[in-house]
Amino acid sequence: MTHAITAPDPSSDPFSALERELRILVRRAASSSAQIALVVHPELDASAYPLLAHIHMHPGTRGSDLAAHFGVGRATVSRQLSRLADLGLIQREVDPDDTRGQLITLTRDGEARFAAARDGRIDALGRALSEWNQDDVATLATLLRRYSEDWVRWRDTHDDPASAR
């Protein structure tokens, strides 16, 4: 016989409640990323969509910048960028200020595919949260950004965020 455990109460156990909600959010986001990646390109890996979004927002970024931004190794980013280039979604040019590096931008096709997927996702969010007040949506976006920035700042000062206390 299994026993269901009730979810932590945010008012009495806020960090346990936050951990639970983030765990669920991450799992659902992974599923959503897989779906949106297919919209961009049928051969695109789910983890590549955030790279495309960052390159879209920061044309001319470098692979080392992407690795630092996402907290992953350069080799991981290099493999993902090679795949994106093979799919015709990005282009890389030698950095004229430092010939050891490459400046990465979306191709026209990459830009069009990314924009269509992003716009579809924004539309889906609007429909899913249609009963929400616009101020609540803005507050959620603001709090998620604050969380992300604070987490990254904290993570960058600790060796092992999963076990550090």
Protein backbone atom coordinates (compact mmCIF):
# COMPACT_ATOMS: atom_id res chain seq x y z
CA MET A 1 0.00 0.00 0.00
CA THR A 2 1.36 3.43 -0.93
CA HIS A 3 0.86 6.53 1.13
CA ALA A 4 0.57 9.89 -0.51
CA ILE A 5 2.60 12.63 1.08
CA THR A 6 0.97 16.01 1.10
CA ALA A 7 2.73 18.91 -0.55
CA PRO A 8 4.61 21.26 1.77
CA ASP A 9 2.65 24.30 2.91
CA PRO A 10 4.26 27.45 1.49
CA SER A 11 3.31 29.51 4.54
CA SER A 12 4.93 27.15 7.06
CA ASP A 13 7.67 25.51 4.93
CA PRO A 14 8.43 27.93 2.08
CA PHE A 15 11.74 26.43 0.91
CA SER A 16 10.37 22.88 0.77
CA ALA A 17 7.32 24.17 -1.11
CA LEU A 18 9.60 26.10 -3.50
CA GLU A 19 11.80 23.03 -4.08
CA ARG A 20 8.72 20.96 -4.91
CA GLU A 21 7.32 23.53 -7.33
CA LEU A 22 10.69 24.01 -9.03
CA ARG A 23 11.12 20.25 -9.38
CA ILE A 24 7.73 20.00 -11.09
CA LEU A 25 8.39 23.11 -13.18
CA VAL A 26 11.74 21.76 -14.38
CA ARG A 27 10.18 18.45 -15.38
CA ARG A 28 7.36 20.14 -17.25
CA ALA A 29 9.80 22.59 -18.83
CA ALA A 30 11.89 19.67 -20.11
CA SER A 31 8.84 18.20 -21.79
CA SER A 32 7.87 21.58 -23.19
CA SER A 33 11.42 22.18 -24.46
CA ALA A 34 11.33 18.89 -26.33
CA GLN A 35 8.09 19.92 -28.01
CA ILE A 36 9.26 23.42 -28.90
CA ALA A 37 12.56 22.10 -30.23
CA LEU A 38 10.60 19.96 -32.69
CA VAL A 39 8.77 23.08 -33.84
CA VAL A 40 12.11 24.76 -34.57
CA HIS A 41 13.53 21.73 -36.38
CA PRO A 42 12.55 18.05 -36.32
CA GLU A 43 16.16 17.06 -35.56
CA LEU A 44 16.79 19.65 -32.84
CA ASP A 45 17.64 18.51 -29.32
CA ALA A 46 15.51 20.02 -26.54
CA SER A 47 18.52 21.54 -24.81
CA ALA A 48 19.34 23.62 -27.88
CA TYR A 49 16.28 25.91 -27.76
CA PRO A 50 17.65 28.01 -24.88
CA LEU A 51 20.92 28.39 -26.82
CA LEU A 52 19.00 29.68 -29.83
CA ALA A 53 17.10 32.11 -27.61
CA HIS A 54 20.33 33.45 -26.09
CA ILE A 55 21.99 33.80 -29.50
CA HIS A 56 18.87 35.57 -30.77
CA MET A 57 19.04 38.05 -27.88
CA HIS A 58 22.85 38.39 -28.06
CA PRO A 59 23.93 38.08 -31.70
CA GLY A 60 27.69 37.75 -31.98
CA THR A 61 28.01 35.90 -28.68
CA ARG A 62 30.90 33.49 -28.20
CA GLY A 63 30.78 29.83 -27.20
CA SER A 64 32.59 30.60 -23.95
CA ASP A 65 29.91 33.19 -23.13
CA LEU A 66 27.20 30.59 -23.71
CA ALA A 67 28.98 28.06 -21.51
CA ALA A 68 29.31 30.60 -18.69
CA HIS A 69 25.71 31.80 -19.04
CA PHE A 70 24.24 28.29 -18.87
CA GLY A 71 26.75 26.92 -16.37
CA VAL A 72 27.94 24.09 -18.60
CA GLY A 73 31.30 23.09 -20.02
CA ARG A 74 32.70 24.52 -23.23
CA ALA A 75 32.84 21.05 -24.77
CA THR A 76 29.09 20.62 -24.21
CA VAL A 77 28.34 23.97 -25.84
CA SER A 78 30.74 23.23 -28.68
CA ARG A 79 28.92 19.98 -29.49
CA GLN A 80 25.54 21.73 -29.38
CA LEU A 81 26.79 24.57 -31.59
CA SER A 82 28.18 22.10 -34.11
CA ARG A 83 24.77 20.44 -34.29
CA LEU A 84 23.02 23.81 -34.70
CA ALA A 85 25.43 24.72 -37.49
CA ASP A 86 24.86 21.34 -39.20
CA LEU A 87 21.11 22.05 -39.12
CA GLY A 88 21.70 25.47 -40.70
CA LEU A 89 20.35 27.38 -37.69
CA ILE A 90 23.52 29.27 -36.71
CA GLN A 91 26.60 30.62 -38.38
CA ARG A 92 30.01 31.16 -36.85
CA GLU A 93 32.53 33.76 -37.92
CA VAL A 94 36.04 34.36 -36.64
CA ASP A 95 36.10 37.13 -34.03
CA PRO A 96 38.11 39.97 -35.62
CA ASP A 97 39.21 41.14 -32.15
CA ASP A 98 40.42 37.67 -31.10
CA THR A 99 40.97 35.17 -33.90
CA ARG A 100 40.89 32.28 -31.39
CA GLY A 101 37.16 32.87 -30.85
CA GLN A 102 34.06 32.74 -32.99
CA LEU A 103 31.07 35.06 -33.08
CA ILE A 104 27.81 33.16 -33.29
CA THR A 105 24.60 34.43 -34.88
CA LEU A 106 21.41 32.85 -36.12
CA THR A 107 21.07 32.28 -39.83
CA ARG A 108 18.01 33.72 -41.58
CA ASP A 109 16.41 30.29 -41.42
CA GLY A 110 17.41 29.92 -37.76
CA GLU A 111 15.95 33.33 -36.95
CA ALA A 112 12.67 32.57 -38.74
CA ARG A 113 12.32 29.14 -37.12
CA PHE A 114 13.19 30.45 -33.67
CA ALA A 115 10.75 33.39 -33.99
CA ALA A 116 7.91 31.11 -35.07
CA ALA A 117 8.51 28.73 -32.16
CA ARG A 118 8.88 31.56 -29.63
CA ASP A 119 5.74 33.30 -30.87
CA GLY A 120 3.82 30.03 -30.63
CA ARG A 121 5.05 29.51 -27.09
CA ILE A 122 4.07 33.06 -26.10
CA ASP A 123 0.62 32.50 -27.59
CA ALA A 124 0.26 29.21 -25.68
CA LEU A 125 1.27 30.95 -22.43
CA GLY A 126 -1.31 33.65 -23.09
CA ARG A 127 -4.02 31.07 -23.64
CA ALA A 128 -3.02 28.92 -20.66
CA LEU A 129 -2.97 31.93 -18.33
CA SER A 130 -5.88 33.78 -19.92
CA GLU A 131 -7.71 34.01 -16.60
CA TRP A 132 -4.72 35.56 -14.88
CA ASN A 133 -4.48 39.27 -14.26
CA GLN A 134 -1.70 40.87 -16.38
CA ASP A 135 -0.11 42.21 -13.18
CA ASP A 136 0.11 38.65 -11.80
CA VAL A 137 1.84 37.47 -14.99
CA ALA A 138 4.27 40.39 -14.73
CA THR A 139 4.91 39.62 -11.05
CA LEU A 140 5.60 35.97 -11.84
CA ALA A 141 8.04 36.93 -14.60
CA THR A 142 9.77 39.39 -12.28
CA LEU A 143 10.07 36.87 -9.45
CA LEU A 144 11.34 34.12 -11.76
CA ARG A 145 14.00 36.48 -13.14
CA ARG A 146 15.00 37.48 -9.61
CA TYR A 147 15.17 33.82 -8.57
CA SER A 148 17.29 32.93 -11.58
CA GLU A 149 19.72 35.80 -11.08
CA ASP A 150 20.06 35.13 -7.34
CA TRP A 151 20.51 31.39 -7.88
CA VAL A 152 23.24 31.93 -10.49
CA ARG A 153 24.98 34.49 -8.29
CA TRP A 154 24.87 32.04 -5.36
CA ARG A 155 25.89 29.06 -7.49
CA ASP A 156 28.89 30.90 -8.85
CA THR A 157 30.23 31.41 -5.32
CA HIS A 158 29.77 27.79 -4.19
CA ASP A 159 31.47 24.63 -5.44
CA ASP A 160 28.53 22.24 -5.10
CA PRO A 161 25.14 23.96 -4.99
CA ALA A 162 23.29 20.68 -4.48
CA SER A 163 25.00 19.89 -1.20
CA ALA A 164 26.27 23.26 0.09
CA ARG A 165 24.44 24.58 3.12
